[in-house]
Amino acid sequence: MLNDVESPWPLAEIVYQHHERMDGSGYPRNLKGDDILIEARILAVADGVEAMASHRPYRPGLGINAALDEIEKNRGIFYDEAVADACLRLFREKGFKLKGV
């Protein structure tokens, strides 16, 4: 879907990589560390927080605190350390909130 979207960023590749993990345990290609685009690392944290905090048809939302605890616990393992730290600062120090959560 995104291959033909005109953009200064490689949108299709960013989305394709956003389930990769810093330790290489992600998918679809088991990329590791700096082999993962920084934009995909940012999307991974943002998507993870939103997915964990929000209600899903198959489970209730876990809440923002549980989501942030998970990001903190797995920073440097699943999630890029700098990206995780920025996310944690936004929510815990700057008062950022997700709409609807």
C-alpha atoms as a PDB file:
ATOM      1  CA  MET A   1       0.000   0.000   0.000  1.00  0.00           C
ATOM      2  CA  LEU A   2       2.739   2.468   0.863  1.00  0.00           C
ATOM      3  CA  ASN A   3       5.260   1.595  -1.856  1.00  0.00           C
ATOM      4  CA  ASP A   4       3.840   4.141  -4.289  1.00  0.00           C
ATOM      5  CA  VAL A   5       3.211   6.935  -1.786  1.00  0.00           C
ATOM      6  CA  GLU A   6       5.425   9.882  -2.597  1.00  0.00           C
ATOM      7  CA  SER A   7       7.341  10.849   0.537  1.00  0.00           C
ATOM      8  CA  PRO A   8      10.815  11.967   1.581  1.00  0.00           C
ATOM      9  CA  TRP A   9      10.826   8.954   3.943  1.00  0.00           C
ATOM     10  CA  PRO A  10      10.752   5.252   3.052  1.00  0.00           C
ATOM     11  CA  LEU A  11       7.258   4.772   4.520  1.00  0.00           C
ATOM     12  CA  ALA A  12       6.740   1.197   3.354  1.00  0.00           C
ATOM     13  CA  GLU A  13      10.076   0.102   4.834  1.00  0.00           C
ATOM     14  CA  ILE A  14       9.418   1.942   8.107  1.00  0.00           C
ATOM     15  CA  VAL A  15       6.097   0.166   8.555  1.00  0.00           C
ATOM     16  CA  TYR A  16       7.604  -3.151   7.425  1.00  0.00           C
ATOM     17  CA  GLN A  17      10.337  -2.899  10.082  1.00  0.00           C
ATOM     18  CA  HIS A  18       8.320  -1.651  13.054  1.00  0.00           C
ATOM     19  CA  HIS A  19       7.991  -5.121  14.607  1.00  0.00           C
ATOM     20  CA  GLU A  20      11.733  -5.713  14.511  1.00  0.00           C
ATOM     21  CA  ARG A  21      13.423  -5.645  17.941  1.00  0.00           C
ATOM     22  CA  MET A  22      16.772  -4.245  19.013  1.00  0.00           C
ATOM     23  CA  ASP A  23      17.990  -7.677  20.122  1.00  0.00           C
ATOM     24  CA  GLY A  24      17.057  -9.281  16.783  1.00  0.00           C
ATOM     25  CA  SER A  25      14.054 -11.179  18.163  1.00  0.00           C
ATOM     26  CA  GLY A  26      11.460  -9.321  16.084  1.00  0.00           C
ATOM     27  CA  TYR A  27       9.969  -9.999  12.686  1.00  0.00           C
ATOM     28  CA  PRO A  28       9.753 -10.234   9.703  1.00  0.00           C
ATOM     29  CA  ARG A  29      13.539 -10.233   9.089  1.00  0.00           C
ATOM     30  CA  ASN A  30      15.066 -10.469  12.579  1.00  0.00           C
ATOM     31  CA  LEU A  31      16.880  -7.171  12.058  1.00  0.00           C
ATOM     32  CA  LYS A  32      18.973  -6.001  14.986  1.00  0.00           C
ATOM     33  CA  GLY A  33      20.120  -2.646  16.387  1.00  0.00           C
ATOM     34  CA  ASP A  34      21.183  -0.078  13.822  1.00  0.00           C
ATOM     35  CA  ASP A  35      19.979  -2.316  10.972  1.00  0.00           C
ATOM     36  CA  ILE A  36      16.488  -1.089  11.930  1.00  0.00           C
ATOM     37  CA  LEU A  37      15.595   2.343  10.592  1.00  0.00           C
ATOM     38  CA  ILE A  38      15.341   4.967  13.352  1.00  0.00           C
ATOM     39  CA  GLU A  39      11.847   5.840  12.111  1.00  0.00           C
ATOM     40  CA  ALA A  40      10.806   2.210  12.551  1.00  0.00           C
ATOM     41  CA  ARG A  41      12.263   2.218  16.072  1.00  0.00           C
ATOM     42  CA  ILE A  42      10.189   5.303  16.881  1.00  0.00           C
ATOM     43  CA  LEU A  43       7.073   3.724  15.395  1.00  0.00           C
ATOM     44  CA  ALA A  44       7.704   0.524  17.385  1.00  0.00           C
ATOM     45  CA  VAL A  45       7.616   2.401  20.684  1.00  0.00           C
ATOM     46  CA  ALA A  46       4.621   4.553  19.709  1.00  0.00           C
ATOM     47  CA  ASP A  47       2.684   1.548  18.407  1.00  0.00           C
ATOM     48  CA  GLY A  48       3.587  -0.519  21.457  1.00  0.00           C
ATOM     49  CA  VAL A  49       2.400   2.118  23.922  1.00  0.00           C
ATOM     50  CA  GLU A  50      -0.847   2.686  22.059  1.00  0.00           C
ATOM     51  CA  ALA A  51      -1.524  -1.038  21.594  1.00  0.00           C
ATOM     52  CA  MET A  52      -0.903  -1.906  25.244  1.00  0.00           C
ATOM     53  CA  ALA A  53      -2.731   1.078  26.724  1.00  0.00           C
ATOM     54  CA  SER A  54      -5.822   0.933  24.502  1.00  0.00           C
ATOM     55  CA  HIS A  55      -8.822  -1.365  24.554  1.00  0.00           C
ATOM     56  CA  ARG A  56      -8.868  -4.141  21.980  1.00  0.00           C
ATOM     57  CA  PRO A  57     -11.843  -6.343  21.055  1.00  0.00           C
ATOM     58  CA  TYR A  58     -10.028  -9.355  22.524  1.00  0.00           C
ATOM     59  CA  ARG A  59      -8.879  -7.699  25.787  1.00  0.00           C
ATOM     60  CA  PRO A  60      -9.326  -4.553  27.863  1.00  0.00           C
ATOM     61  CA  GLY A  61      -6.654  -1.876  27.695  1.00  0.00           C
ATOM     62  CA  LEU A  62      -3.809  -2.382  30.147  1.00  0.00           C
ATOM     63  CA  GLY A  63      -3.555   1.353  30.826  1.00  0.00           C
ATOM     64  CA  ILE A  64      -0.808   3.839  30.183  1.00  0.00           C
ATOM     65  CA  ASN A  65       1.195   2.993  33.311  1.00  0.00           C
ATOM     66  CA  ALA A  66       1.441  -0.686  32.386  1.00  0.00           C
ATOM     67  CA  ALA A  67       2.404   0.272  28.827  1.00  0.00           C
ATOM     68  CA  LEU A  68       5.148   2.631  30.004  1.00  0.00           C
ATOM     69  CA  ASP A  69       6.430   0.049  32.492  1.00  0.00           C
ATOM     70  CA  GLU A  70       6.727  -2.444  29.623  1.00  0.00           C
ATOM     71  CA  ILE A  71       8.638   0.073  27.479  1.00  0.00           C
ATOM     72  CA  GLU A  72      10.955   0.833  30.402  1.00  0.00           C
ATOM     73  CA  LYS A  73      11.518  -2.864  31.190  1.00  0.00           C
ATOM     74  CA  ASN A  74      12.426  -3.647  27.579  1.00  0.00           C
ATOM     75  CA  ARG A  75      14.415  -0.527  26.649  1.00  0.00           C
ATOM     76  CA  GLY A  76      17.593  -1.630  24.934  1.00  0.00           C
ATOM     77  CA  ILE A  77      16.213  -5.150  24.492  1.00  0.00           C
ATOM     78  CA  PHE A  78      13.148  -4.721  22.286  1.00  0.00           C
ATOM     79  CA  TYR A  79      13.056  -0.932  22.065  1.00  0.00           C
ATOM     80  CA  ASP A  80      15.739   1.585  21.178  1.00  0.00           C
ATOM     81  CA  GLU A  81      17.054   3.117  24.426  1.00  0.00           C
ATOM     82  CA  ALA A  82      16.975   6.741  23.272  1.00  0.00           C
ATOM     83  CA  VAL A  83      13.493   6.369  21.776  1.00  0.00           C
ATOM     84  CA  ALA A  84      12.170   4.636  24.893  1.00  0.00           C
ATOM     85  CA  ASP A  85      13.705   7.321  27.115  1.00  0.00           C
ATOM     86  CA  ALA A  86      12.133  10.092  25.024  1.00  0.00           C
ATOM     87  CA  CYS A  87       8.739   8.381  25.233  1.00  0.00           C
ATOM     88  CA  LEU A  88       8.992   7.913  28.991  1.00  0.00           C
ATOM     89  CA  ARG A  89       9.979  11.589  29.472  1.00  0.00           C
ATOM     90  CA  LEU A  90       7.052  12.765  27.344  1.00  0.00           C
ATOM     91  CA  PHE A  91       4.510  10.866  29.428  1.00  0.00           C
ATOM     92  CA  ARG A  92       6.057  10.960  32.892  1.00  0.00           C
ATOM     93  CA  GLU A  93       7.687  14.397  32.932  1.00  0.00           C
ATOM     94  CA  LYS A  94       5.912  16.425  30.258  1.00  0.00           C
ATOM     95  CA  GLY A  95       2.383  15.166  30.918  1.00  0.00           C
ATOM     96  CA  PHE A  96       1.697  13.837  27.425  1.00  0.00           C
ATOM     97  CA  LYS A  97      -1.563  11.870  27.178  1.00  0.00           C
ATOM     98  CA  LEU A  98      -3.097   9.566  24.586  1.00  0.00           C
ATOM     99  CA  LYS A  99      -6.559  10.600  23.473  1.00  0.00           C
ATOM    100  CA  GLY A 100      -9.222   8.106  24.405  1.00  0.00           C
ATOM    101  CA  VAL A 101      -7.048   6.180  26.860  1.00  0.00           C
END
